[in-house]
Amino acid sequence: MAASKSIWFAGGCFWGTEHFFKGVDGVLKATAGYANGHLDRQPSYEDVYTDTTGFAETVEVAYDPARISLPELTDLYFAIIDPLSLNRQGGDAGTRYRTGIYYGPEEDLSLILPRYNAESERLGAPLAVELEPLRNFYPAEEYHQQYLDKNPGGYCHIPLAAFRYLRLYQDLKALLGDEPDLIARMASAAALLGERMKWHWTGFYRVIGEKLVLGPYCGPLACLRIGYGKGVCGTAWKERRTVIVPDVDRFPGHIACSSLSRSEIVVPLIKEGDVIAVLDIDSAETDTFGPDDARWLQKIANLTAQVSIP
């Protein structure tokens, strides 16, 4: 059995970061602490709070590399932070709340760097996330460990939806396994999303020739075919990007498959450089979807598409 490894993530207040990562399948232990400061002794929380020690609130994530990879852990980390915010996450500000990825063995950098650069490219800007070797790490005081388990009503800067999406993503990953059939994967994803999230309509349209053709879905009857560049789905296909529509009545050229649909998000599934399908989700309420939904639903779309296409 492979030995456990560790990576250190600074993601703002360590209460929420620790709580998130201890729920990740394959993570053996998450420990709140202080990293990469310039003191050569164990700092106290009061020391770090002064912002004069150089320490960042950091979580050591010990994981089993046979169950989860370092690139996947890095992806999950980016899903719970604002990587463009300097010395601030949520309502917390100061150098102790900066973001950073601190690695041990030098070879870990080669696993992290492609995901780091991809995040910068996705956002179109340099990241405010330190990427450095770990110089030091001291576990925080005992009352900080598993803080949100001890204090369920405690403050957490990570949106609650992230914890819900994490469980959904992990359950879908386990459900799909190595299933090779794309339609079966889409059917399972649509069913699980529809059951858990209770949206008005959740499903897939497959790219067949010059049309999007209805695939597996959960919800009322829907349009059978959508043209390239037409409506929200066709736009996401043409522009190869996630499209969020807060109010479908304000989207030019919206195709009204259901009068009950009020807001929508469409995420492309890209395989080997080509859009092979789109994930289409409709809500009966306006302003349902935002950037956090887009990030997690893109992860779910990518997971669904992880199959060899004949």
Protein backbone atom coordinates (compact mmCIF):
# COMPACT_ATOMS: atom_id res chain seq x y z
CA MET A 1 0.00 0.00 0.00
CA ALA A 2 1.30 3.46 -0.93
CA ALA A 3 2.41 5.68 1.91
CA SER A 4 0.39 8.79 2.65
CA LYS A 5 1.55 12.16 1.38
CA SER A 6 0.84 15.74 2.45
CA ILE A 7 0.15 19.06 0.77
CA TRP A 8 -0.41 22.36 2.57
CA PHE A 9 -3.21 24.72 1.47
CA ALA A 10 -3.67 28.28 2.75
CA GLY A 11 -7.21 29.26 1.86
CA GLY A 12 -8.30 32.02 4.20
CA CYS A 13 -9.74 31.09 7.60
CA PHE A 14 -8.54 27.57 8.32
CA TRP A 15 -11.78 26.52 10.03
CA GLY A 16 -13.65 26.20 6.74
CA THR A 17 -10.68 24.94 4.72
CA GLU A 18 -10.03 22.16 7.25
CA HIS A 19 -13.73 21.23 7.35
CA PHE A 20 -13.92 21.03 3.56
CA PHE A 21 -10.86 18.88 3.03
CA LYS A 22 -11.61 16.40 5.77
CA GLY A 23 -14.74 15.56 3.77
CA VAL A 24 -12.77 14.73 0.62
CA ASP A 25 -12.60 11.02 -0.22
CA GLY A 26 -8.98 9.91 -0.02
CA VAL A 27 -7.98 12.54 2.54
CA LEU A 28 -6.74 10.81 5.69
CA LYS A 29 -6.44 13.85 7.95
CA ALA A 30 -6.74 17.63 7.74
CA THR A 31 -4.89 19.69 10.35
CA ALA A 32 -5.30 23.43 10.89
CA GLY A 33 -2.08 25.29 11.47
CA TYR A 34 0.34 28.07 10.54
CA ALA A 35 2.80 27.89 7.64
CA ASN A 36 5.73 29.72 6.07
CA GLY A 37 6.31 32.33 8.72
CA HIS A 38 9.64 33.77 9.81
CA LEU A 39 9.55 32.73 13.48
CA ASP A 40 11.63 29.69 14.40
CA ARG A 41 9.23 28.61 17.12
CA GLN A 42 5.63 27.53 17.55
CA PRO A 43 3.48 30.67 17.15
CA SER A 44 0.26 31.23 19.02
CA TYR A 45 -2.95 32.31 17.34
CA GLU A 46 -2.46 35.70 19.00
CA ASP A 47 1.02 35.96 17.43
CA VAL A 48 -0.28 35.16 13.96
CA TYR A 49 -3.24 37.51 14.35
CA THR A 50 -0.87 40.49 14.50
CA ASP A 51 0.14 39.92 10.86
CA THR A 52 3.78 40.46 11.84
CA THR A 53 4.97 36.82 11.89
CA GLY A 54 4.62 36.03 8.19
CA PHE A 55 2.51 32.96 8.95
CA ALA A 56 -0.59 32.09 6.92
CA GLU A 57 -3.51 30.11 8.30
CA THR A 58 -2.91 26.82 6.52
CA VAL A 59 -4.27 23.28 6.47
CA GLU A 60 -2.05 20.25 6.15
CA VAL A 61 -3.91 17.74 3.98
CA ALA A 62 -2.62 14.19 4.43
CA TYR A 63 -3.94 12.00 1.63
CA ASP A 64 -3.71 8.55 0.08
CA PRO A 65 -2.31 9.01 -3.46
CA ALA A 66 -3.86 5.67 -4.45
CA ARG A 67 -7.33 7.18 -3.85
CA ILE A 68 -6.93 10.82 -4.83
CA SER A 69 -4.25 12.61 -6.80
CA LEU A 70 -2.46 15.84 -6.02
CA PRO A 71 -3.81 17.49 -9.22
CA GLU A 72 -7.37 16.64 -8.15
CA LEU A 73 -6.77 18.04 -4.66
CA THR A 74 -5.42 21.21 -6.29
CA ASP A 75 -8.58 21.49 -8.41
CA LEU A 76 -10.73 21.16 -5.30
CA TYR A 77 -8.68 23.84 -3.56
CA PHE A 78 -9.26 26.29 -6.41
CA ALA A 79 -13.00 25.54 -6.21
CA ILE A 80 -13.24 26.99 -2.68
CA ILE A 81 -11.10 30.14 -2.91
CA ASP A 82 -11.02 33.41 -4.80
CA PRO A 83 -7.57 33.01 -6.38
CA LEU A 84 -7.41 36.65 -7.52
CA SER A 85 -8.00 38.15 -4.08
CA LEU A 86 -4.83 39.33 -2.33
CA ASN A 87 -4.74 38.80 1.45
CA ARG A 88 -8.51 38.42 1.68
CA GLN A 89 -10.98 35.54 1.56
CA GLY A 90 -14.61 36.13 2.40
CA GLY A 91 -14.87 38.61 5.25
CA ASP A 92 -11.32 37.97 6.47
CA ALA A 93 -8.46 40.31 5.55
CA GLY A 94 -4.75 40.33 6.39
CA THR A 95 -1.60 38.52 5.33
CA ARG A 96 -2.51 35.63 7.64
CA TYR A 97 -5.51 34.99 5.36
CA ARG A 98 -3.51 34.96 2.11
CA THR A 99 -3.83 32.03 -0.24
CA GLY A 100 -0.99 29.65 -0.94
CA ILE A 101 -0.03 26.14 -1.98
CA TYR A 102 3.03 24.89 -0.12
CA TYR A 103 4.60 21.64 -1.27
CA GLY A 104 7.12 19.21 0.14
CA PRO A 105 9.05 17.11 -2.42
CA GLU A 106 10.15 19.09 -5.48
CA GLU A 107 8.43 16.59 -7.77
CA ASP A 108 5.07 17.68 -6.38
CA LEU A 109 5.54 21.04 -8.07
CA SER A 110 5.35 19.39 -11.49
CA LEU A 111 1.92 17.97 -10.54
CA ILE A 112 0.59 21.25 -9.18
CA LEU A 113 1.94 23.68 -11.78
CA PRO A 114 -0.23 22.59 -14.76
CA ARG A 115 -3.40 23.08 -12.69
CA TYR A 116 -2.09 26.37 -11.31
CA ASN A 117 -1.36 27.68 -14.80
CA ALA A 118 -4.70 26.41 -16.12
CA GLU A 119 -6.52 28.35 -13.39
CA SER A 120 -4.64 31.51 -14.31
CA GLU A 121 -5.50 30.97 -17.97
CA ARG A 122 -9.16 30.33 -17.12
CA LEU A 123 -9.38 33.60 -15.23
CA GLY A 124 -7.22 35.54 -17.65
CA ALA A 125 -5.06 37.03 -14.89
CA PRO A 126 -2.08 36.18 -12.64
CA LEU A 127 -3.12 34.39 -9.46
CA ALA A 128 -2.67 35.92 -6.01
CA VAL A 129 -1.88 32.41 -4.73
CA GLU A 130 1.61 31.71 -3.44
CA LEU A 131 3.20 28.57 -4.86
CA GLU A 132 6.25 27.81 -2.76
CA PRO A 133 8.10 25.02 -0.97
CA LEU A 134 6.94 24.48 2.59
CA ARG A 135 9.42 26.16 4.93
CA ASN A 136 7.67 25.42 8.21
CA PHE A 137 4.31 24.34 9.58
CA TYR A 138 3.03 24.35 13.13
CA PRO A 139 -0.33 22.81 14.09
CA ALA A 140 -2.74 25.33 15.59
CA GLU A 141 -4.11 25.12 19.11
CA GLU A 142 -6.43 22.21 19.86
CA TYR A 143 -9.54 24.39 20.00
CA HIS A 144 -8.97 25.27 16.31
CA GLN A 145 -8.93 21.62 15.23
CA GLN A 146 -12.26 20.43 13.76
CA TYR A 147 -13.66 23.76 14.92
CA LEU A 148 -16.84 23.60 12.84
CA ASP A 149 -17.63 20.12 14.18
CA LYS A 150 -17.35 21.47 17.71
CA ASN A 151 -19.18 24.69 16.80
CA PRO A 152 -21.72 23.90 14.05
CA GLY A 153 -22.92 27.49 13.99
CA GLY A 154 -19.40 28.87 13.66
CA TYR A 155 -18.20 31.19 10.91
CA CYS A 156 -17.13 29.71 7.59
CA HIS A 157 -16.14 31.80 4.58
CA ILE A 158 -16.71 28.90 2.17
CA PRO A 159 -20.26 28.90 0.70
CA LEU A 160 -22.38 26.06 2.04
CA ALA A 161 -23.14 25.06 -1.55
CA ALA A 162 -19.50 23.98 -1.95
CA PHE A 163 -19.94 21.24 0.65
CA ARG A 164 -23.11 20.06 -1.11
CA TYR A 165 -21.41 20.06 -4.51
CA LEU A 166 -18.40 18.20 -3.09
CA ARG A 167 -20.57 15.33 -1.91
CA LEU A 168 -22.47 15.28 -5.20
CA TYR A 169 -19.23 15.27 -7.21
CA GLN A 170 -17.71 12.47 -5.15
CA ASP A 171 -20.87 10.36 -5.27
CA LEU A 172 -21.05 10.78 -9.05
CA LYS A 173 -17.37 9.85 -9.38
CA ALA A 174 -17.99 6.64 -7.43
CA LEU A 175 -21.19 5.90 -9.38
CA LEU A 176 -19.63 6.34 -12.82
CA GLY A 177 -16.42 4.48 -12.03
CA ASP A 178 -14.88 3.23 -15.26
CA GLU A 179 -18.18 2.92 -17.15
CA PRO A 180 -17.21 3.29 -20.84
CA ASP A 181 -20.58 4.26 -22.32
CA LEU A 182 -21.15 8.01 -22.57
CA ILE A 183 -24.96 7.76 -22.67
CA ALA A 184 -24.95 5.69 -19.47
CA ARG A 185 -22.68 8.26 -17.81
CA MET A 186 -24.97 11.11 -18.89
CA ALA A 187 -28.06 9.28 -17.66
CA SER A 188 -26.52 8.69 -14.23
CA ALA A 189 -25.31 12.29 -13.96
CA ALA A 190 -28.71 13.73 -14.98
CA ALA A 191 -30.54 11.49 -12.52
CA LEU A 192 -28.22 12.26 -9.60
CA LEU A 193 -28.22 16.03 -10.25
CA GLY A 194 -31.98 16.08 -10.63
CA GLU A 195 -32.56 14.05 -7.47
CA ARG A 196 -30.14 16.02 -5.28
CA MET A 197 -30.54 19.59 -6.54
CA LYS A 198 -34.28 19.61 -7.37
CA TRP A 199 -33.92 21.95 -10.33
CA HIS A 200 -36.75 22.30 -12.86
CA TRP A 201 -34.86 20.50 -15.65
CA THR A 202 -31.47 18.83 -15.81
CA GLY A 203 -30.11 17.03 -18.82
CA PHE A 204 -27.76 16.73 -21.74
CA TYR A 205 -27.83 17.62 -25.41
CA ARG A 206 -25.41 15.64 -27.61
CA VAL A 207 -23.56 17.11 -30.56
CA ILE A 208 -24.65 15.17 -33.66
CA GLY A 209 -23.65 16.81 -36.91
CA GLU A 210 -24.84 20.43 -36.94
CA LYS A 211 -27.41 19.95 -34.19
CA LEU A 212 -27.65 19.41 -30.48
CA VAL A 213 -29.85 16.36 -30.00
CA LEU A 214 -31.69 15.64 -26.76
CA GLY A 215 -29.95 13.11 -24.55
CA PRO A 216 -30.65 11.74 -21.06
CA TYR A 217 -32.51 14.19 -18.84
CA CYS A 218 -34.55 14.57 -15.66
CA GLY A 219 -37.64 16.79 -15.86
CA PRO A 220 -40.57 17.62 -18.16
CA LEU A 221 -40.57 17.22 -21.94
CA ALA A 222 -37.93 19.27 -23.74
CA CYS A 223 -36.86 20.43 -27.19
CA LEU A 224 -35.57 17.56 -29.32
CA ARG A 225 -33.03 19.47 -31.41
CA ILE A 226 -31.21 22.81 -31.11
CA GLY A 227 -29.15 24.45 -33.85
CA TYR A 228 -25.55 25.57 -33.64
CA GLY A 229 -25.40 28.99 -31.97
CA LYS A 230 -29.14 28.97 -31.24
CA GLY A 231 -30.57 29.66 -27.79
CA VAL A 232 -28.52 29.26 -24.62
CA CYS A 233 -27.43 25.69 -25.40
CA GLY A 234 -26.35 26.48 -28.94
CA THR A 235 -24.47 29.56 -27.71
CA ALA A 236 -22.52 27.54 -25.13
CA TRP A 237 -21.64 25.04 -27.88
CA LYS A 238 -20.55 27.72 -30.34
CA GLU A 239 -18.59 29.80 -27.81
CA ARG A 240 -17.18 26.75 -25.99
CA ARG A 241 -17.88 28.29 -22.59
CA THR A 242 -20.33 28.07 -19.71
CA VAL A 243 -23.26 30.44 -20.17
CA ILE A 244 -25.24 31.70 -17.16
CA VAL A 245 -28.60 33.37 -17.81
CA PRO A 246 -30.15 35.02 -14.70
CA ASP A 247 -33.44 35.69 -16.53
CA VAL A 248 -34.20 33.74 -19.70
CA ASP A 249 -36.71 36.38 -20.85
CA ARG A 250 -33.78 38.78 -21.22
CA PHE A 251 -31.63 36.44 -23.31
CA PRO A 252 -31.89 37.27 -27.04
CA GLY A 253 -33.00 34.26 -29.03
CA HIS A 254 -33.91 32.16 -26.00
CA ILE A 255 -35.67 28.93 -26.99
CA ALA A 256 -38.58 28.40 -24.62
CA CYS A 257 -38.82 24.64 -24.24
CA SER A 258 -40.80 25.20 -21.03
CA SER A 259 -42.70 28.30 -19.89
CA LEU A 260 -41.72 27.43 -16.30
CA SER A 261 -38.01 27.94 -16.93
CA ARG A 262 -36.83 31.29 -15.51
CA SER A 263 -33.02 31.01 -15.30
CA GLU A 264 -30.51 28.68 -16.91
CA ILE A 265 -26.92 27.50 -16.97
CA VAL A 266 -25.35 25.54 -19.81
CA VAL A 267 -21.93 23.87 -19.51
CA PRO A 268 -20.06 22.37 -22.47
CA LEU A 269 -18.54 18.89 -22.29
CA ILE A 270 -15.21 19.03 -24.10
CA LYS A 271 -13.36 15.89 -25.10
CA GLU A 272 -10.04 15.96 -26.97
CA GLY A 273 -10.61 19.60 -27.90
CA ASP A 274 -14.15 19.16 -29.25
CA VAL A 275 -17.51 19.97 -27.67
CA ILE A 276 -19.31 16.62 -27.57
CA ALA A 277 -22.36 17.67 -25.58
CA VAL A 278 -23.72 20.32 -23.22
CA LEU A 279 -25.13 20.01 -19.72
CA ASP A 280 -28.29 22.13 -19.56
CA ILE A 281 -29.93 23.07 -16.26
CA ASP A 282 -33.08 25.16 -15.89
CA SER A 283 -34.51 26.65 -12.71
CA ALA A 284 -38.06 27.80 -12.05
CA GLU A 285 -36.62 30.84 -10.23
CA THR A 286 -34.62 33.77 -11.58
CA ASP A 287 -30.99 34.40 -10.55
CA THR A 288 -30.39 30.80 -9.48
CA PHE A 289 -26.88 30.25 -10.83
CA GLY A 290 -23.58 32.04 -10.24
CA PRO A 291 -19.81 31.56 -10.66
CA ASP A 292 -19.61 28.94 -7.90
CA ASP A 293 -22.27 26.81 -9.61
CA ALA A 294 -20.42 27.21 -12.91
CA ARG A 295 -17.15 26.01 -11.41
CA TRP A 296 -18.62 22.90 -9.81
CA LEU A 297 -20.89 22.03 -12.73
CA GLN A 298 -17.89 22.27 -15.06
CA LYS A 299 -16.12 19.73 -12.84
CA ILE A 300 -19.19 17.48 -13.05
CA ALA A 301 -19.35 17.91 -16.84
CA ASN A 302 -15.64 17.06 -17.15
CA LEU A 303 -16.12 13.98 -14.99
CA THR A 304 -19.06 12.83 -17.10
CA ALA A 305 -17.02 13.23 -20.30
CA GLN A 306 -14.09 11.14 -19.04
CA VAL A 307 -14.69 8.25 -21.41
CA SER A 308 -13.18 7.10 -24.69
CA ILE A 309 -15.34 8.33 -27.55
CA PRO A 310 -15.65 5.80 -30.44
